[in-house]
Amino acid sequence: LKKLANIDKEIVVAGVMDKVELWSKEIYEEQLGIFLKGEDPSYSLAKMTEEAFSLLQEAPREETPTLEDRLAGAMHVAL
């Protein structure tokens, strides 16, 4: 995996919500510079914002019941 990501020495861990990416520090800084300077039309703030907000619209995961919830359910069944 290190070879595929061109990671030689240092890494950057970038994450948003439940998504995590590992980058070579050099490549991350290069790509970030390109984005911030607006040198690549495929990197737009509007597109990035749209993708970020789409993450918020994903269906929420079902939460694991707490111990209290399970005990309350068991007590209800026992009654």
PDB file of N, CA and C in Angstrom:
ATOM      1  N   LEU A   1       0.819  -1.195   0.000  1.00  0.00           N
ATOM      2  CA  LEU A   1       0.000   0.000   0.000  1.00  0.00           C
ATOM      3  C   LEU A   1       0.859   1.254   0.000  1.00  0.00           C
ATOM      4  N   LYS A   2       1.983   1.179   0.718  1.00  0.00           N
ATOM      5  CA  LYS A   2       2.889   2.329   0.727  1.00  0.00           C
ATOM      6  C   LYS A   2       3.394   2.628  -0.673  1.00  0.00           C
ATOM      7  N   LYS A   3       3.708   1.594  -1.422  1.00  0.00           N
ATOM      8  CA  LYS A   3       4.202   1.795  -2.788  1.00  0.00           C
ATOM      9  C   LYS A   3       3.119   2.410  -3.669  1.00  0.00           C
ATOM     10  N   LEU A   4       1.887   1.908  -3.554  1.00  0.00           N
ATOM     11  CA  LEU A   4       0.787   2.438  -4.363  1.00  0.00           C
ATOM     12  C   LEU A   4       0.530   3.913  -4.085  1.00  0.00           C
ATOM     13  N   ALA A   5       0.690   4.312  -2.835  1.00  0.00           N
ATOM     14  CA  ALA A   5       0.453   5.702  -2.448  1.00  0.00           C
ATOM     15  C   ALA A   5       1.711   6.557  -2.547  1.00  0.00           C
ATOM     16  N   ASN A   6       2.802   5.970  -3.027  1.00  0.00           N
ATOM     17  CA  ASN A   6       4.091   6.684  -3.141  1.00  0.00           C
ATOM     18  C   ASN A   6       4.540   7.275  -1.806  1.00  0.00           C
ATOM     19  N   ILE A   7       4.345   6.521  -0.743  1.00  0.00           N
ATOM     20  CA  ILE A   7       4.746   6.979   0.584  1.00  0.00           C
ATOM     21  C   ILE A   7       6.160   6.485   0.855  1.00  0.00           C
ATOM     22  N   ASP A   8       7.080   7.457   1.018  1.00  0.00           N
ATOM     23  CA  ASP A   8       8.473   7.115   1.298  1.00  0.00           C
ATOM     24  C   ASP A   8       8.831   7.365   2.753  1.00  0.00           C
ATOM     25  N   LYS A   9       8.489   8.553   3.249  1.00  0.00           N
ATOM     26  CA  LYS A   9       8.895   8.915   4.608  1.00  0.00           C
ATOM     27  C   LYS A   9       7.711   9.365   5.447  1.00  0.00           C
ATOM     28  N   GLU A  10       7.200  10.532   5.136  1.00  0.00           N
ATOM     29  CA  GLU A  10       6.151  11.120   5.969  1.00  0.00           C
ATOM     30  C   GLU A  10       4.790  10.953   5.318  1.00  0.00           C
ATOM     31  N   ILE A  11       3.753  10.852   6.180  1.00  0.00           N
ATOM     32  CA  ILE A  11       2.390  10.726   5.677  1.00  0.00           C
ATOM     33  C   ILE A  11       1.528  11.855   6.231  1.00  0.00           C
ATOM     34  N   VAL A  12       0.423  12.073   5.541  1.00  0.00           N
ATOM     35  CA  VAL A  12      -0.620  12.979   6.011  1.00  0.00           C
ATOM     36  C   VAL A  12      -1.873  12.139   6.153  1.00  0.00           C
ATOM     37  N   VAL A  13      -2.527  12.254   7.300  1.00  0.00           N
ATOM     38  CA  VAL A  13      -3.796  11.587   7.522  1.00  0.00           C
ATOM     39  C   VAL A  13      -4.861  12.666   7.414  1.00  0.00           C
ATOM     40  N   ALA A  14      -5.705  12.552   6.399  1.00  0.00           N
ATOM     41  CA  ALA A  14      -6.758  13.540   6.175  1.00  0.00           C
ATOM     42  C   ALA A  14      -8.094  12.846   6.331  1.00  0.00           C
ATOM     43  N   GLY A  15      -8.997  13.470   7.046  1.00  0.00           N
ATOM     44  CA  GLY A  15     -10.289  12.841   7.252  1.00  0.00           C
ATOM     45  C   GLY A  15     -11.414  13.829   7.394  1.00  0.00           C
ATOM     46  N   VAL A  16     -12.597  13.379   6.986  1.00  0.00           N
ATOM     47  CA  VAL A  16     -13.824  14.128   7.144  1.00  0.00           C
ATOM     48  C   VAL A  16     -14.890  13.133   7.574  1.00  0.00           C
ATOM     49  N   MET A  17     -15.525  13.425   8.680  1.00  0.00           N
ATOM     50  CA  MET A  17     -16.560  12.566   9.235  1.00  0.00           C
ATOM     51  C   MET A  17     -16.025  11.139   9.397  1.00  0.00           C
ATOM     52  N   ASP A  18     -16.568  10.158   8.660  1.00  0.00           N
ATOM     53  CA  ASP A  18     -16.093   8.783   8.820  1.00  0.00           C
ATOM     54  C   ASP A  18     -15.212   8.336   7.651  1.00  0.00           C
ATOM     55  N   LYS A  19     -14.635   9.280   6.926  1.00  0.00           N
ATOM     56  CA  LYS A  19     -13.745   8.986   5.801  1.00  0.00           C
ATOM     57  C   LYS A  19     -12.319   9.379   6.178  1.00  0.00           C
ATOM     58  N   VAL A  20     -11.366   8.509   5.869  1.00  0.00           N
ATOM     59  CA  VAL A  20      -9.959   8.774   6.176  1.00  0.00           C
ATOM     60  C   VAL A  20      -9.122   8.473   4.941  1.00  0.00           C
ATOM     61  N   GLU A  21      -8.151   9.341   4.653  1.00  0.00           N
ATOM     62  CA  GLU A  21      -7.229   9.126   3.543  1.00  0.00           C
ATOM     63  C   GLU A  21      -5.807   9.222   4.063  1.00  0.00           C
ATOM     64  N   LEU A  22      -4.921   8.384   3.532  1.00  0.00           N
ATOM     65  CA  LEU A  22      -3.492   8.458   3.829  1.00  0.00           C
ATOM     66  C   LEU A  22      -2.793   8.940   2.571  1.00  0.00           C
ATOM     67  N   TRP A  23      -1.965   9.967   2.703  1.00  0.00           N
ATOM     68  CA  TRP A  23      -1.265  10.571   1.578  1.00  0.00           C
ATOM     69  C   TRP A  23       0.223  10.633   1.870  1.00  0.00           C
ATOM     70  N   SER A  24       1.001  10.562   0.817  1.00  0.00           N
ATOM     71  CA  SER A  24       2.401  10.947   0.915  1.00  0.00           C
ATOM     72  C   SER A  24       2.402  12.449   1.209  1.00  0.00           C
ATOM     73  N   LYS A  25       3.211  12.885   2.149  1.00  0.00           N
ATOM     74  CA  LYS A  25       3.228  14.309   2.503  1.00  0.00           C
ATOM     75  C   LYS A  25       3.553  15.174   1.293  1.00  0.00           C
ATOM     76  N   GLU A  26       4.504  14.733   0.481  1.00  0.00           N
ATOM     77  CA  GLU A  26       4.908  15.525  -0.680  1.00  0.00           C
ATOM     78  C   GLU A  26       3.768  15.664  -1.679  1.00  0.00           C
ATOM     79  N   ILE A  27       3.085  14.561  -1.967  1.00  0.00           N
ATOM     80  CA  ILE A  27       1.992  14.590  -2.935  1.00  0.00           C
ATOM     81  C   ILE A  27       0.813  15.388  -2.391  1.00  0.00           C
ATOM     82  N   TYR A  28       0.515  15.235  -1.102  1.00  0.00           N
ATOM     83  CA  TYR A  28      -0.577  15.980  -0.485  1.00  0.00           C
ATOM     84  C   TYR A  28      -0.331  17.481  -0.596  1.00  0.00           C
ATOM     85  N   GLU A  29       0.883  17.903  -0.236  1.00  0.00           N
ATOM     86  CA  GLU A  29       1.196  19.330  -0.297  1.00  0.00           C
ATOM     87  C   GLU A  29       1.152  19.852  -1.730  1.00  0.00           C
ATOM     88  N   GLU A  30       1.611  19.040  -2.678  1.00  0.00           N
ATOM     89  CA  GLU A  30       1.555  19.432  -4.088  1.00  0.00           C
ATOM     90  C   GLU A  30       0.109  19.605  -4.544  1.00  0.00           C
ATOM     91  N   GLN A  31      -0.737  18.606  -4.240  1.00  0.00           N
ATOM     92  CA  GLN A  31      -2.138  18.663  -4.640  1.00  0.00           C
ATOM     93  C   GLN A  31      -2.878  19.804  -3.946  1.00  0.00           C
ATOM     94  N   LEU A  32      -2.583  20.020  -2.671  1.00  0.00           N
ATOM     95  CA  LEU A  32      -3.205  21.112  -1.935  1.00  0.00           C
ATOM     96  C   LEU A  32      -2.815  22.461  -2.551  1.00  0.00           C
ATOM     97  N   GLY A  33      -1.545  22.608  -2.924  1.00  0.00           N
ATOM     98  CA  GLY A  33      -1.085  23.844  -3.559  1.00  0.00           C
ATOM     99  C   GLY A  33      -1.798  24.097  -4.877  1.00  0.00           C
ATOM    100  N   ILE A  34      -1.961  23.044  -5.671  1.00  0.00           N
ATOM    101  CA  ILE A  34      -2.674  23.162  -6.949  1.00  0.00           C
ATOM    102  C   ILE A  34      -4.113  23.603  -6.704  1.00  0.00           C
ATOM    103  N   PHE A  35      -4.752  23.000  -5.707  1.00  0.00           N
ATOM    104  CA  PHE A  35      -6.136  23.349  -5.383  1.00  0.00           C
ATOM    105  C   PHE A  35      -6.246  24.795  -4.923  1.00  0.00           C
ATOM    106  N   LEU A  36      -5.381  25.188  -3.988  1.00  0.00           N
ATOM    107  CA  LEU A  36      -5.470  26.536  -3.427  1.00  0.00           C
ATOM    108  C   LEU A  36      -5.175  27.625  -4.452  1.00  0.00           C
ATOM    109  N   LYS A  37      -4.298  27.329  -5.411  1.00  0.00           N
ATOM    110  CA  LYS A  37      -3.968  28.306  -6.448  1.00  0.00           C
ATOM    111  C   LYS A  37      -4.988  28.304  -7.585  1.00  0.00           C
ATOM    112  N   GLY A  38      -5.877  27.312  -7.608  1.00  0.00           N
ATOM    113  CA  GLY A  38      -6.874  27.223  -8.669  1.00  0.00           C
ATOM    114  C   GLY A  38      -6.277  26.853 -10.009  1.00  0.00           C
ATOM    115  N   GLU A  39      -5.161  26.136 -10.004  1.00  0.00           N
ATOM    116  CA  GLU A  39      -4.460  25.784 -11.235  1.00  0.00           C
ATOM    117  C   GLU A  39      -5.097  24.634 -12.000  1.00  0.00           C
ATOM    118  N   ASP A  40      -5.924  23.855 -11.378  1.00  0.00           N
ATOM    119  CA  ASP A  40      -6.556  22.715 -12.039  1.00  0.00           C
ATOM    120  C   ASP A  40      -8.071  22.916 -12.001  1.00  0.00           C
ATOM    121  N   PRO A  41      -8.713  23.050 -13.153  1.00  0.00           N
ATOM    122  CA  PRO A  41     -10.151  23.315 -13.167  1.00  0.00           C
ATOM    123  C   PRO A  41     -11.002  22.199 -12.566  1.00  0.00           C
ATOM    124  N   SER A  42     -10.459  20.984 -12.481  1.00  0.00           N
ATOM    125  CA  SER A  42     -11.241  19.902 -11.877  1.00  0.00           C
ATOM    126  C   SER A  42     -11.299  20.031 -10.359  1.00  0.00           C
ATOM    127  N   TYR A  43     -10.440  20.856  -9.785  1.00  0.00           N
ATOM    128  CA  TYR A  43     -10.461  21.129  -8.343  1.00  0.00           C
ATOM    129  C   TYR A  43     -11.135  22.477  -8.126  1.00  0.00           C
ATOM    130  N   SER A  44     -12.395  22.451  -7.780  1.00  0.00           N
ATOM    131  CA  SER A  44     -13.081  23.708  -7.509  1.00  0.00           C
ATOM    132  C   SER A  44     -13.659  23.673  -6.100  1.00  0.00           C
ATOM    133  N   LEU A  45     -13.705  24.826  -5.477  1.00  0.00           N
ATOM    134  CA  LEU A  45     -14.269  24.916  -4.133  1.00  0.00           C
ATOM    135  C   LEU A  45     -15.738  24.512  -4.159  1.00  0.00           C
ATOM    136  N   ALA A  46     -16.444  24.876  -5.229  1.00  0.00           N
ATOM    137  CA  ALA A  46     -17.861  24.523  -5.336  1.00  0.00           C
ATOM    138  C   ALA A  46     -18.031  23.010  -5.367  1.00  0.00           C
ATOM    139  N   LYS A  47     -17.195  22.324  -6.150  1.00  0.00           N
ATOM    140  CA  LYS A  47     -17.289  20.860  -6.243  1.00  0.00           C
ATOM    141  C   LYS A  47     -16.947  20.217  -4.906  1.00  0.00           C
ATOM    142  N   MET A  48     -15.898  20.709  -4.249  1.00  0.00           N
ATOM    143  CA  MET A  48     -15.500  20.157  -2.968  1.00  0.00           C
ATOM    144  C   MET A  48     -16.607  20.358  -1.929  1.00  0.00           C
ATOM    145  N   THR A  49     -17.230  21.529  -1.925  1.00  0.00           N
ATOM    146  CA  THR A  49     -18.311  21.821  -0.985  1.00  0.00           C
ATOM    147  C   THR A  49     -19.504  20.912  -1.249  1.00  0.00           C
ATOM    148  N   GLU A  50     -19.826  20.724  -2.524  1.00  0.00           N
ATOM    149  CA  GLU A  50     -20.930  19.840  -2.890  1.00  0.00           C
ATOM    150  C   GLU A  50     -20.674  18.411  -2.406  1.00  0.00           C
ATOM    151  N   GLU A  51     -19.456  17.928  -2.596  1.00  0.00           N
ATOM    152  CA  GLU A  51     -19.116  16.579  -2.143  1.00  0.00           C
ATOM    153  C   GLU A  51     -19.166  16.475  -0.629  1.00  0.00           C
ATOM    154  N   ALA A  52     -18.704  17.511   0.066  1.00  0.00           N
ATOM    155  CA  ALA A  52     -18.723  17.490   1.534  1.00  0.00           C
ATOM    156  C   ALA A  52     -20.154  17.453   2.055  1.00  0.00           C
ATOM    157  N   PHE A  53     -21.031  18.275   1.463  1.00  0.00           N
ATOM    158  CA  PHE A  53     -22.412  18.282   1.921  1.00  0.00           C
ATOM    159  C   PHE A  53     -23.153  17.009   1.546  1.00  0.00           C
ATOM    160  N   SER A  54     -22.741  16.344   0.471  1.00  0.00           N
ATOM    161  CA  SER A  54     -23.385  15.078   0.125  1.00  0.00           C
ATOM    162  C   SER A  54     -23.104  14.029   1.196  1.00  0.00           C
ATOM    163  N   LEU A  55     -21.952  14.136   1.870  1.00  0.00           N
ATOM    164  CA  LEU A  55     -21.651  13.209   2.962  1.00  0.00           C
ATOM    165  C   LEU A  55     -22.643  13.375   4.104  1.00  0.00           C
ATOM    166  N   LEU A  56     -23.098  14.609   4.315  1.00  0.00           N
ATOM    167  CA  LEU A  56     -24.052  14.866   5.397  1.00  0.00           C
ATOM    168  C   LEU A  56     -25.420  14.281   5.090  1.00  0.00           C
ATOM    169  N   GLN A  57     -25.728  14.075   3.804  1.00  0.00           N
ATOM    170  CA  GLN A  57     -27.042  13.587   3.412  1.00  0.00           C
ATOM    171  C   GLN A  57     -27.117  12.075   3.336  1.00  0.00           C
ATOM    172  N   GLU A  58     -26.000  11.388   3.568  1.00  0.00           N
ATOM    173  CA  GLU A  58     -26.035   9.934   3.557  1.00  0.00           C
ATOM    174  C   GLU A  58     -26.929   9.440   4.681  1.00  0.00           C
ATOM    175  N   ALA A  59     -27.532   8.295   4.460  1.00  0.00           N
ATOM    176  CA  ALA A  59     -28.415   7.724   5.481  1.00  0.00           C
ATOM    177  C   ALA A  59     -27.621   7.461   6.747  1.00  0.00           C
ATOM    178  N   PRO A  60     -28.164   7.874   7.881  1.00  0.00           N
ATOM    179  CA  PRO A  60     -27.447   7.627   9.144  1.00  0.00           C
ATOM    180  C   PRO A  60     -27.384   6.138   9.441  1.00  0.00           C
ATOM    181  N   ARG A  61     -26.297   5.749  10.050  1.00  0.00           N
ATOM    182  CA  ARG A  61     -26.138   4.357  10.454  1.00  0.00           C
ATOM    183  C   ARG A  61     -27.006   4.091  11.670  1.00  0.00           C
ATOM    184  N   GLU A  62     -27.489   2.858  11.737  1.00  0.00           N
ATOM    185  CA  GLU A  62     -28.261   2.492  12.920  1.00  0.00           C
ATOM    186  C   GLU A  62     -27.328   2.428  14.113  1.00  0.00           C
ATOM    187  N   GLU A  63     -27.771   3.010  15.209  1.00  0.00           N
ATOM    188  CA  GLU A  63     -26.948   3.013  16.414  1.00  0.00           C
ATOM    189  C   GLU A  63     -27.094   1.689  17.147  1.00  0.00           C
ATOM    190  N   THR A  64     -26.033   1.238  17.734  1.00  0.00           N
ATOM    191  CA  THR A  64     -26.061   0.041  18.547  1.00  0.00           C
ATOM    192  C   THR A  64     -26.803   0.363  19.837  1.00  0.00           C
ATOM    193  N   PRO A  65     -27.778  -0.473  20.210  1.00  0.00           N
ATOM    194  CA  PRO A  65     -28.519  -0.196  21.448  1.00  0.00           C
ATOM    195  C   PRO A  65     -27.587  -0.172  22.657  1.00  0.00           C
ATOM    196  N   THR A  66     -27.873   0.734  23.575  1.00  0.00           N
ATOM    197  CA  THR A  66     -27.086   0.812  24.802  1.00  0.00           C
ATOM    198  C   THR A  66     -27.490  -0.324  25.727  1.00  0.00           C
ATOM    199  N   LEU A  67     -26.677  -0.552  26.734  1.00  0.00           N
ATOM    200  CA  LEU A  67     -26.992  -1.579  27.723  1.00  0.00           C
ATOM    201  C   LEU A  67     -28.331  -1.272  28.380  1.00  0.00           C
ATOM    202  N   GLU A  68     -28.579   0.003  28.660  1.00  0.00           N
ATOM    203  CA  GLU A  68     -29.847   0.397  29.282  1.00  0.00           C
ATOM    204  C   GLU A  68     -31.033   0.058  28.374  1.00  0.00           C
ATOM    205  N   ASP A  69     -30.876   0.314  27.060  1.00  0.00           N
ATOM    206  CA  ASP A  69     -31.948  -0.014  26.115  1.00  0.00           C
ATOM    207  C   ASP A  69     -32.229  -1.516  26.097  1.00  0.00           C
ATOM    208  N   ARG A  70     -31.167  -2.318  26.082  1.00  0.00           N
ATOM    209  CA  ARG A  70     -31.338  -3.770  26.046  1.00  0.00           C
ATOM    210  C   ARG A  70     -31.989  -4.269  27.329  1.00  0.00           C
ATOM    211  N   LEU A  71     -31.555  -3.708  28.485  1.00  0.00           N
ATOM    212  CA  LEU A  71     -32.165  -4.139  29.751  1.00  0.00           C
ATOM    213  C   LEU A  71     -33.618  -3.730  29.832  1.00  0.00           C
ATOM    214  N   ALA A  72     -33.930  -2.525  29.356  1.00  0.00           N
ATOM    215  CA  ALA A  72     -35.321  -2.061  29.376  1.00  0.00           C
ATOM    216  C   ALA A  72     -36.175  -2.963  28.496  1.00  0.00           C
ATOM    217  N   GLY A  73     -35.655  -3.364  27.349  1.00  0.00           N
ATOM    218  CA  GLY A  73     -36.382  -4.269  26.466  1.00  0.00           C
ATOM    219  C   GLY A  73     -36.597  -5.625  27.105  1.00  0.00           C
ATOM    220  N   ALA A  74     -35.581  -6.113  27.787  1.00  0.00           N
ATOM    221  CA  ALA A  74     -35.681  -7.413  28.464  1.00  0.00           C
ATOM    222  C   ALA A  74     -36.684  -7.337  29.593  1.00  0.00           C
ATOM    223  N   MET A  75     -36.691  -6.227  30.332  1.00  0.00           N
ATOM    224  CA  MET A  75     -37.642  -6.074  31.450  1.00  0.00           C
ATOM    225  C   MET A  75     -39.066  -5.994  30.911  1.00  0.00           C
ATOM    226  N   HIS A  76     -39.252  -5.323  29.768  1.00  0.00           N
ATOM    227  CA  HIS A  76     -40.576  -5.190  29.168  1.00  0.00           C
ATOM    228  C   HIS A  76     -41.109  -6.565  28.754  1.00  0.00           C
ATOM    229  N   VAL A  77     -40.247  -7.395  28.174  1.00  0.00           N
ATOM    230  CA  VAL A  77     -40.643  -8.733  27.742  1.00  0.00           C
ATOM    231  C   VAL A  77     -40.998  -9.590  28.951  1.00  0.00           C
ATOM    232  N   ALA A  78     -40.237  -9.433  30.056  1.00  0.00           N
ATOM    233  CA  ALA A  78     -40.445 -10.246  31.252  1.00  0.00           C
ATOM    234  C   ALA A  78     -41.777  -9.897  31.931  1.00  0.00           C
ATOM    235  N   LEU A  79     -42.245  -8.661  31.770  1.00  0.00           N
ATOM    236  CA  LEU A  79     -43.485  -8.272  32.417  1.00  0.00           C
ATOM    237  C   LEU A  79     -44.641  -8.870  31.684  1.00  0.00           C
TER     238      LEU A  79
END
